[in-house]
């Protein structure tokens, strides 16, 4: 798992920005090691156009 960004976006809500797609298990294992309770996980994606706009503006 290559982690690009990790930030606490809201109280007790963490945003992991990663390169690989199959990392849900790794995040769960990390949470277990840190005694963090994971209630939900959501996958967010960006289109190629959105990435291009983000890089060029």
C-alpha atoms as a PDB file:
ATOM      1  CA  UNK A   1       0.000   0.000   0.000  1.00  0.00           C
ATOM      2  CA  UNK A   2       1.505   3.300  -1.053  1.00  0.00           C
ATOM      3  CA  UNK A   3      -0.029   6.099   1.001  1.00  0.00           C
ATOM      4  CA  UNK A   4      -0.055   9.525  -0.637  1.00  0.00           C
ATOM      5  CA  UNK A   5      -2.062  11.441   1.967  1.00  0.00           C
ATOM      6  CA  UNK A   6      -3.660  10.760   5.312  1.00  0.00           C
ATOM      7  CA  UNK A   7      -5.743  13.446   6.932  1.00  0.00           C
ATOM      8  CA  UNK A   8      -8.435  13.821   9.534  1.00  0.00           C
ATOM      9  CA  UNK A   9     -11.110  15.490   7.415  1.00  0.00           C
ATOM     10  CA  UNK A  10     -13.696  15.726  10.238  1.00  0.00           C
ATOM     11  CA  UNK A  11     -13.890  14.534  13.826  1.00  0.00           C
ATOM     12  CA  UNK A  12     -13.044  10.830  13.716  1.00  0.00           C
ATOM     13  CA  UNK A  13     -13.223  10.742   9.900  1.00  0.00           C
ATOM     14  CA  UNK A  14      -9.984   9.881   8.141  1.00  0.00           C
ATOM     15  CA  UNK A  15      -9.239  10.189   4.444  1.00  0.00           C
ATOM     16  CA  UNK A  16      -6.628   7.824   3.008  1.00  0.00           C
ATOM     17  CA  UNK A  17      -5.409   8.755  -0.464  1.00  0.00           C
ATOM     18  CA  UNK A  18      -3.683   5.738  -1.956  1.00  0.00           C
ATOM     19  CA  UNK A  19      -2.383   4.402  -5.240  1.00  0.00           C
ATOM     20  CA  UNK A  20      -3.400   0.732  -5.027  1.00  0.00           C
ATOM     21  CA  UNK A  21      -7.030  -0.365  -5.183  1.00  0.00           C
ATOM     22  CA  UNK A  22      -7.065  -3.500  -3.002  1.00  0.00           C
ATOM     23  CA  UNK A  23      -6.166  -1.973   0.361  1.00  0.00           C
ATOM     24  CA  UNK A  24      -9.295  -2.232   2.486  1.00  0.00           C
ATOM     25  CA  UNK A  25      -7.804  -5.174   4.381  1.00  0.00           C
ATOM     26  CA  UNK A  26      -4.575  -3.244   5.024  1.00  0.00           C
ATOM     27  CA  UNK A  27      -6.516  -0.292   6.415  1.00  0.00           C
ATOM     28  CA  UNK A  28      -8.553  -2.621   8.623  1.00  0.00           C
ATOM     29  CA  UNK A  29      -5.389  -4.309   9.941  1.00  0.00           C
ATOM     30  CA  UNK A  30      -3.825  -0.912  10.674  1.00  0.00           C
ATOM     31  CA  UNK A  31      -6.949   0.140  12.568  1.00  0.00           C
ATOM     32  CA  UNK A  32      -6.917  -3.066  14.622  1.00  0.00           C
ATOM     33  CA  UNK A  33      -3.260  -2.541  15.567  1.00  0.00           C
ATOM     34  CA  UNK A  34      -4.025   1.027  16.689  1.00  0.00           C
ATOM     35  CA  UNK A  35      -7.236   0.053  18.568  1.00  0.00           C
ATOM     36  CA  UNK A  36      -9.333   2.130  16.160  1.00  0.00           C
ATOM     37  CA  UNK A  37     -12.920   1.071  15.544  1.00  0.00           C
ATOM     38  CA  UNK A  38     -13.822   1.185  11.840  1.00  0.00           C
ATOM     39  CA  UNK A  39     -17.557   1.626  11.393  1.00  0.00           C
ATOM     40  CA  UNK A  40     -17.659   2.252   7.647  1.00  0.00           C
ATOM     41  CA  UNK A  41     -15.366   2.488   4.636  1.00  0.00           C
ATOM     42  CA  UNK A  42     -16.226   4.327   1.448  1.00  0.00           C
ATOM     43  CA  UNK A  43     -14.402   4.242  -1.849  1.00  0.00           C
ATOM     44  CA  UNK A  44     -14.079   7.494  -3.753  1.00  0.00           C
ATOM     45  CA  UNK A  45     -12.625   7.747  -7.239  1.00  0.00           C
ATOM     46  CA  UNK A  46     -11.739  10.561  -9.600  1.00  0.00           C
ATOM     47  CA  UNK A  47     -12.111  10.599 -13.342  1.00  0.00           C
ATOM     48  CA  UNK A  48      -9.107  11.195 -15.552  1.00  0.00           C
ATOM     49  CA  UNK A  49     -10.592  14.576 -16.460  1.00  0.00           C
ATOM     50  CA  UNK A  50     -10.867  15.575 -12.776  1.00  0.00           C
ATOM     51  CA  UNK A  51      -7.249  14.587 -12.142  1.00  0.00           C
ATOM     52  CA  UNK A  52      -6.126  16.584 -15.200  1.00  0.00           C
ATOM     53  CA  UNK A  53      -8.045  19.656 -14.058  1.00  0.00           C
ATOM     54  CA  UNK A  54      -6.594  19.359 -10.549  1.00  0.00           C
ATOM     55  CA  UNK A  55      -3.058  19.152 -11.940  1.00  0.00           C
ATOM     56  CA  UNK A  56      -3.398  21.995 -14.429  1.00  0.00           C
ATOM     57  CA  UNK A  57      -5.236  24.622 -12.391  1.00  0.00           C
END
